[in-house]
Amino acid sequence: MIPKIELHCHIEGAASPELVRRLAEKYGVDLSRLFDRNGHYQWEDFTTFLQAYDIASSIFRRPEDYEDLAFVYFTKAAIQGAIYCEVFISSDHAEKSGLTYESYVEGLARGMEKAKSKTGIEGRMIATGVRHFGEKAVERAAQLAVDFPHPLVTGFGMGGDERHGHPSNFAQAFRIAQEAGLELTAHAGEFGGPESVSAALDFLNISRVGHGVRSIEDQKLVDRIIDEEIVLELCPGSNIALGLYEALRFHPINHLRRAGVRVTVSSDDPPFFRTSIGEEYDQLAETFGWDAAQLRSISQTALDAAFCDEVTRERLRKKFNKSAPT
């Protein structure tokens, strides 16, 4: 099995419908309209996806709920061959459910440690601000991560609706995080065009771009990404589900990779898009004819770009190198 590294997954977005329904029953909340007749999350476009995401997130109300969520996600990823995963966490969503940032992170950390004890999978968290909540909210998310440090929180980023606010508005939040030693990434170039990626690179001092797929539309930007060794956290299944591309064969991941861009593969919000890290690798192999060596190179790029300490990276590298080549 190909060893896999996932760098782009929102922890609330990894909540399975089964877990959300179980918690809804526990708390006496009717979420029946959140699901279709087959039990899948239902939404129509990016805006309604975000609404469904927020509704599902609201059902996680206690640290043990997040512990269960992290344990299930990391364990499932390990079964599919993942040896390391990073998850985006959102203090805004936790606080809306009545949790402090510290209790939220501690709950997630317990679930990650349980999954590690069971499967050996390593994990880290990336604190994030929600772009469409505004610049002050993003700054507050950064400050919380700095004021209440945790060894498993190693990065800072920004998600949410890319169509809101220019990256320059969020530069202060990223400075706060960077000065505290957190690694930086930001969503850009998904529903915003290549200019969104350029602006994120100009103002946020990031080493990775969440999505960034629309960089392909600007050759000068592609050249810049290559020259500056920026890593793209690509999520093909998410892009297809949200309608950016009609089918995987039209997705530019292969063109970007061949051009020399450092690309990685992740599942984003797997149950919402009916995918997983394992399925992402399988679909890419089937669609583009990638062999084991090409798939391993994707994982190697992700391992090199991971927001972890060098001792952990070297331990993962040894594990990666010992794995079977096919």
Protein backbone atom coordinates (compact mmCIF):
# COMPACT_ATOMS: atom_id res chain seq x y z
CA MET A 1 0.00 0.00 0.00
CA ILE A 2 1.26 3.48 -0.88
CA PRO A 3 2.13 5.44 2.32
CA LYS A 4 0.02 8.59 2.29
CA ILE A 5 0.44 12.04 3.80
CA GLU A 6 -2.61 14.31 4.10
CA LEU A 7 -2.01 18.03 4.63
CA HIS A 8 -5.43 19.53 3.92
CA CYS A 9 -8.42 18.29 5.89
CA HIS A 10 -10.84 20.28 8.04
CA ILE A 11 -11.52 18.31 11.20
CA GLU A 12 -15.19 19.33 11.45
CA GLY A 13 -15.51 18.57 7.74
CA ALA A 14 -14.26 15.06 8.41
CA ALA A 15 -17.28 14.25 10.59
CA SER A 16 -19.18 11.31 9.16
CA PRO A 17 -22.97 11.54 8.88
CA GLU A 18 -23.17 8.56 11.24
CA LEU A 19 -21.23 10.38 13.97
CA VAL A 20 -23.21 13.59 13.51
CA ARG A 21 -26.51 11.72 13.69
CA ARG A 22 -25.38 9.91 16.83
CA LEU A 23 -24.47 13.20 18.51
CA ALA A 24 -27.70 14.82 17.34
CA GLU A 25 -29.63 12.03 19.03
CA LYS A 26 -27.51 12.45 22.16
CA TYR A 27 -28.31 16.16 22.35
CA GLY A 28 -31.90 15.92 21.13
CA VAL A 29 -31.34 17.95 17.97
CA ASP A 30 -33.26 17.36 14.75
CA LEU A 31 -30.80 17.44 11.86
CA SER A 32 -32.84 15.34 9.44
CA ARG A 33 -32.84 18.09 6.80
CA LEU A 34 -29.04 18.04 6.76
CA PHE A 35 -29.08 14.65 5.01
CA ASP A 36 -30.57 13.28 1.80
CA ARG A 37 -32.67 10.13 1.55
CA ASN A 38 -29.51 8.02 1.31
CA GLY A 39 -28.06 9.49 4.48
CA HIS A 40 -25.46 11.70 2.78
CA TYR A 41 -24.92 15.38 3.51
CA GLN A 42 -26.99 17.47 1.13
CA TRP A 43 -25.99 20.82 -0.35
CA GLU A 44 -26.14 22.44 -3.78
CA ASP A 45 -23.20 24.81 -4.18
CA PHE A 46 -20.28 26.27 -2.25
CA THR A 47 -22.50 28.62 -0.23
CA THR A 48 -24.90 25.86 0.84
CA PHE A 49 -21.96 23.54 1.48
CA LEU A 50 -20.59 26.08 3.98
CA GLN A 51 -24.02 26.27 5.60
CA ALA A 52 -24.24 22.48 5.90
CA TYR A 53 -20.70 22.40 7.28
CA ASP A 54 -21.61 24.92 9.99
CA ILE A 55 -24.76 23.00 10.95
CA ALA A 56 -22.87 19.72 11.26
CA SER A 57 -20.09 21.43 13.25
CA SER A 58 -22.59 22.85 15.73
CA ILE A 59 -23.44 19.40 17.05
CA PHE A 60 -19.95 18.93 18.54
CA ARG A 61 -20.38 20.43 21.99
CA ARG A 62 -17.98 18.75 24.40
CA PRO A 63 -14.28 17.88 24.35
CA GLU A 64 -15.12 14.19 24.21
CA ASP A 65 -17.14 14.79 21.03
CA TYR A 66 -14.01 16.17 19.38
CA GLU A 67 -11.97 13.34 20.84
CA ASP A 68 -14.26 10.85 19.10
CA LEU A 69 -14.11 12.86 15.87
CA ALA A 70 -10.30 12.93 15.80
CA PHE A 71 -9.99 9.27 16.74
CA VAL A 72 -12.35 8.15 13.97
CA TYR A 73 -10.78 10.35 11.29
CA PHE A 74 -7.16 9.45 12.04
CA THR A 75 -7.94 5.76 12.46
CA LYS A 76 -9.77 5.60 9.12
CA ALA A 77 -6.94 7.45 7.41
CA ALA A 78 -4.41 4.99 8.85
CA ILE A 79 -6.42 2.05 7.52
CA GLN A 80 -6.12 3.62 4.07
CA GLY A 81 -2.35 3.85 4.37
CA ALA A 82 -1.87 7.32 5.83
CA ILE A 83 1.13 7.64 8.14
CA TYR A 84 0.73 11.36 8.86
CA CYS A 85 -2.17 13.81 8.65
CA GLU A 86 -2.65 17.47 9.43
CA VAL A 87 -6.09 18.85 10.25
CA PHE A 88 -7.39 22.38 10.19
CA ILE A 89 -9.05 23.37 13.45
CA SER A 90 -11.40 26.29 14.01
CA SER A 91 -11.66 28.09 17.34
CA ASP A 92 -14.66 29.98 15.96
CA HIS A 93 -16.66 26.81 15.45
CA ALA A 94 -15.65 25.46 18.85
CA GLU A 95 -16.64 28.64 20.66
CA LYS A 96 -19.99 28.74 18.91
CA SER A 97 -20.60 25.36 20.52
CA GLY A 98 -19.64 26.73 23.94
CA LEU A 99 -16.10 25.34 24.16
CA THR A 100 -12.94 27.19 25.05
CA TYR A 101 -10.05 26.96 22.61
CA GLU A 102 -7.99 25.01 25.16
CA SER A 103 -10.65 22.37 25.82
CA TYR A 104 -11.30 22.03 22.09
CA VAL A 105 -7.63 21.40 21.33
CA GLU A 106 -7.20 19.05 24.27
CA GLY A 107 -10.17 16.97 23.14
CA LEU A 108 -8.78 16.69 19.63
CA ALA A 109 -5.31 15.88 20.96
CA ARG A 110 -6.65 13.01 23.06
CA GLY A 111 -8.35 11.54 20.01
CA MET A 112 -5.18 11.89 17.95
CA GLU A 113 -3.08 10.21 20.63
CA LYS A 114 -5.57 7.35 20.90
CA ALA A 115 -5.42 6.84 17.13
CA LYS A 116 -1.62 6.95 17.26
CA SER A 117 -1.54 4.32 20.00
CA LYS A 118 -3.82 2.08 17.97
CA THR A 119 -2.39 2.54 14.46
CA GLY A 120 0.91 4.44 14.69
CA ILE A 121 -0.39 7.39 12.68
CA GLU A 122 1.12 10.79 13.47
CA GLY A 123 -0.87 14.02 13.38
CA ARG A 124 -0.66 17.76 13.82
CA MET A 125 -3.18 20.60 13.93
CA ILE A 126 -3.27 23.88 12.01
CA ALA A 127 -5.22 26.62 13.77
CA THR A 128 -7.31 28.59 11.30
CA GLY A 129 -9.32 31.75 11.01
CA VAL A 130 -12.49 31.87 8.94
CA ARG A 131 -12.09 34.41 6.18
CA HIS A 132 -15.73 35.42 5.83
CA PHE A 133 -15.92 36.10 9.60
CA GLY A 134 -13.67 39.12 9.00
CA GLU A 135 -10.12 40.22 9.69
CA LYS A 136 -10.58 40.75 13.44
CA ALA A 137 -11.91 37.21 13.84
CA VAL A 138 -8.91 35.82 11.96
CA GLU A 139 -6.55 37.87 14.12
CA ARG A 140 -8.27 36.55 17.22
CA ALA A 141 -7.87 32.97 15.99
CA ALA A 142 -4.15 33.58 15.53
CA GLN A 143 -3.82 35.16 18.96
CA LEU A 144 -5.58 32.24 20.65
CA ALA A 145 -3.17 29.80 19.03
CA VAL A 146 -0.26 31.92 20.27
CA ASP A 147 -1.61 32.54 23.78
CA PHE A 148 -2.50 28.89 24.40
CA PRO A 149 0.22 26.90 22.64
CA HIS A 150 -0.04 23.14 22.26
CA PRO A 151 2.74 20.86 20.94
CA LEU A 152 0.42 19.39 18.32
CA VAL A 153 -0.65 22.82 16.98
CA THR A 154 2.18 23.66 14.62
CA GLY A 155 0.65 25.86 11.95
CA PHE A 156 -1.76 28.67 11.22
CA GLY A 157 -3.96 29.18 8.19
CA MET A 158 -7.13 30.69 6.85
CA GLY A 159 -10.14 28.96 5.35
CA GLY A 160 -13.69 30.01 4.64
CA ASP A 161 -15.12 31.84 1.67
CA GLU A 162 -12.26 33.11 -0.46
CA ARG A 163 -14.56 35.61 -2.14
CA HIS A 164 -14.56 37.76 1.03
CA GLY A 165 -11.75 40.17 1.84
CA HIS A 166 -8.38 40.82 0.23
CA PRO A 167 -5.39 38.89 1.66
CA SER A 168 -3.77 42.17 2.70
CA ASN A 169 -6.57 42.58 5.25
CA PHE A 170 -5.34 39.45 7.05
CA ALA A 171 -1.61 40.16 7.03
CA GLN A 172 -1.54 41.10 10.72
CA ALA A 173 -3.05 37.74 11.74
CA PHE A 174 -0.35 35.91 9.84
CA ARG A 175 2.37 38.09 11.36
CA ILE A 176 1.08 37.22 14.84
CA ALA A 177 1.27 33.52 14.05
CA GLN A 178 4.62 33.64 12.30
CA GLU A 179 6.31 35.60 15.06
CA ALA A 180 5.25 32.83 17.46
CA GLY A 181 6.92 30.21 15.27
CA LEU A 182 3.86 28.74 13.57
CA GLU A 183 4.13 27.60 9.95
CA LEU A 184 1.77 29.29 7.49
CA THR A 185 -0.71 28.24 4.82
CA ALA A 186 -3.85 29.83 3.37
CA HIS A 187 -6.73 28.84 1.12
CA ALA A 188 -6.52 30.60 -2.24
CA GLY A 189 -7.09 29.88 -5.91
CA GLU A 190 -10.21 27.77 -5.48
CA PHE A 191 -13.19 30.07 -6.02
CA GLY A 192 -10.85 33.00 -6.46
CA GLY A 193 -8.72 33.07 -9.57
CA PRO A 194 -4.93 33.10 -9.88
CA GLU A 195 -4.88 36.69 -8.63
CA SER A 196 -6.07 35.34 -5.27
CA VAL A 197 -3.02 33.09 -5.05
CA SER A 198 -0.67 35.90 -6.05
CA ALA A 199 -2.12 38.17 -3.36
CA ALA A 200 -1.84 35.47 -0.71
CA LEU A 201 1.83 34.98 -1.60
CA ASP A 202 2.40 38.74 -1.62
CA PHE A 203 0.85 39.53 1.77
CA LEU A 204 0.73 36.41 3.94
CA ASN A 205 4.26 34.98 3.68
CA ILE A 206 2.94 31.44 3.30
CA SER A 207 4.94 28.37 2.29
CA ARG A 208 1.88 26.36 1.24
CA VAL A 209 -1.34 27.23 -0.56
CA GLY A 210 -4.58 25.45 0.25
CA HIS A 211 -5.96 24.42 -3.15
CA GLY A 212 -4.23 26.94 -5.43
CA VAL A 213 -5.45 24.90 -8.37
CA ARG A 214 -6.41 27.92 -10.45
CA SER A 215 -2.79 29.00 -10.56
CA ILE A 216 -2.75 27.00 -13.80
CA GLU A 217 -4.56 29.92 -15.45
CA ASP A 218 -1.51 32.21 -15.15
CA GLN A 219 1.83 30.92 -16.43
CA LYS A 220 3.78 33.67 -14.66
CA LEU A 221 2.21 32.60 -11.39
CA VAL A 222 3.07 28.96 -12.07
CA ASP A 223 6.66 30.01 -12.70
CA ARG A 224 6.67 31.98 -9.44
CA ILE A 225 5.30 29.04 -7.46
CA ILE A 226 8.03 26.82 -8.89
CA ASP A 227 10.79 29.38 -8.26
CA GLU A 228 9.69 30.03 -4.67
CA GLU A 229 9.12 26.31 -4.01
CA ILE A 230 5.56 26.88 -2.85
CA VAL A 231 3.62 23.70 -2.13
CA LEU A 232 0.02 23.33 -3.33
CA GLU A 233 -2.37 21.36 -1.14
CA LEU A 234 -4.54 20.02 -3.95
CA CYS A 235 -7.90 18.39 -3.27
CA PRO A 236 -9.15 17.04 -6.61
CA GLY A 237 -12.26 15.29 -5.27
CA SER A 238 -13.37 18.47 -3.55
CA ASN A 239 -12.83 20.51 -6.72
CA ILE A 240 -14.94 18.09 -8.75
CA ALA A 241 -17.72 17.93 -6.15
CA LEU A 242 -17.92 21.72 -5.95
CA GLY A 243 -18.04 22.09 -9.72
CA LEU A 244 -14.68 23.67 -10.47
CA TYR A 245 -14.05 20.92 -13.02
CA GLU A 246 -16.51 18.61 -14.71
CA ALA A 247 -14.45 15.46 -14.19
CA LEU A 248 -11.10 14.43 -12.79
CA ARG A 249 -9.60 14.06 -16.26
CA PHE A 250 -10.02 17.83 -16.70
CA HIS A 251 -8.36 18.66 -13.38
CA PRO A 252 -4.96 20.39 -13.84
CA ILE A 253 -3.09 18.43 -11.18
CA ASN A 254 -1.18 16.43 -13.77
CA HIS A 255 -0.24 19.55 -15.76
CA LEU A 256 0.94 21.29 -12.60
CA ARG A 257 2.98 18.28 -11.52
CA ARG A 258 4.60 17.93 -14.95
CA ALA A 259 5.42 21.64 -14.98
CA GLY A 260 7.46 21.19 -11.81
CA VAL A 261 5.00 22.49 -9.21
CA ARG A 262 5.28 20.77 -5.82
CA VAL A 263 1.80 19.26 -5.47
CA THR A 264 0.23 17.19 -2.71
CA VAL A 265 -3.11 15.39 -2.50
CA SER A 266 -5.74 15.62 0.25
CA SER A 267 -9.44 15.02 0.82
CA ASP A 268 -10.52 18.44 2.25
CA ASP A 269 -13.93 17.55 3.78
CA PRO A 270 -14.15 13.86 2.91
CA PRO A 271 -17.73 12.80 3.81
CA PHE A 272 -19.21 15.99 2.36
CA PHE A 273 -17.52 15.23 -0.96
CA ARG A 274 -17.86 11.43 -0.67
CA THR A 275 -14.15 10.84 -0.84
CA SER A 276 -11.19 9.87 1.35
CA ILE A 277 -7.42 10.07 1.17
CA GLY A 278 -7.33 6.50 -0.13
CA GLU A 279 -9.89 7.20 -2.83
CA GLU A 280 -8.02 10.33 -3.92
CA TYR A 281 -4.87 8.32 -4.59
CA ASP A 282 -6.81 5.51 -6.29
CA GLN A 283 -8.71 7.87 -8.58
CA LEU A 284 -5.56 9.72 -9.63
CA ALA A 285 -3.82 6.46 -10.47
CA GLU A 286 -6.79 5.29 -12.52
CA THR A 287 -7.39 8.58 -14.33
CA PHE A 288 -3.82 9.64 -15.11
CA GLY A 289 -2.10 6.28 -15.11
CA TRP A 290 0.19 7.19 -12.24
CA ASP A 291 2.28 4.27 -11.04
CA ALA A 292 3.46 3.56 -7.51
CA ALA A 293 6.60 5.66 -7.94
CA GLN A 294 4.59 8.70 -9.01
CA LEU A 295 2.15 8.31 -6.14
CA ARG A 296 5.00 7.90 -3.67
CA SER A 297 6.56 11.11 -4.99
CA ILE A 298 3.33 12.95 -4.11
CA SER A 299 3.57 11.59 -0.57
CA GLN A 300 7.25 12.48 -0.40
CA THR A 301 6.50 16.08 -1.35
CA ALA A 302 3.86 16.23 1.36
CA LEU A 303 6.22 14.78 3.94
CA ASP A 304 8.87 17.37 3.06
CA ALA A 305 6.26 20.14 3.42
CA ALA A 306 4.64 18.89 6.62
CA PHE A 307 4.40 21.29 9.56
CA CYS A 308 6.21 19.02 12.00
CA ASP A 309 9.54 19.06 13.78
CA GLU A 310 12.56 17.48 12.13
CA VAL A 311 12.74 14.58 14.60
CA THR A 312 9.19 13.59 13.69
CA ARG A 313 9.87 14.10 9.98
CA GLU A 314 12.91 11.84 10.11
CA ARG A 315 10.93 9.17 11.96
CA LEU A 316 8.22 9.37 9.31
CA ARG A 317 10.81 9.30 6.54
CA LYS A 318 12.25 6.04 7.88
CA LYS A 319 8.76 4.58 8.06
CA PHE A 320 8.03 5.81 4.55
CA ASN A 321 11.24 4.33 3.14
CA LYS A 322 10.63 0.95 4.77
CA SER A 323 7.21 0.64 3.14
CA ALA A 324 6.78 -1.61 0.14
CA PRO A 325 7.33 0.17 -3.21
CA THR A 326 3.97 -0.97 -4.58
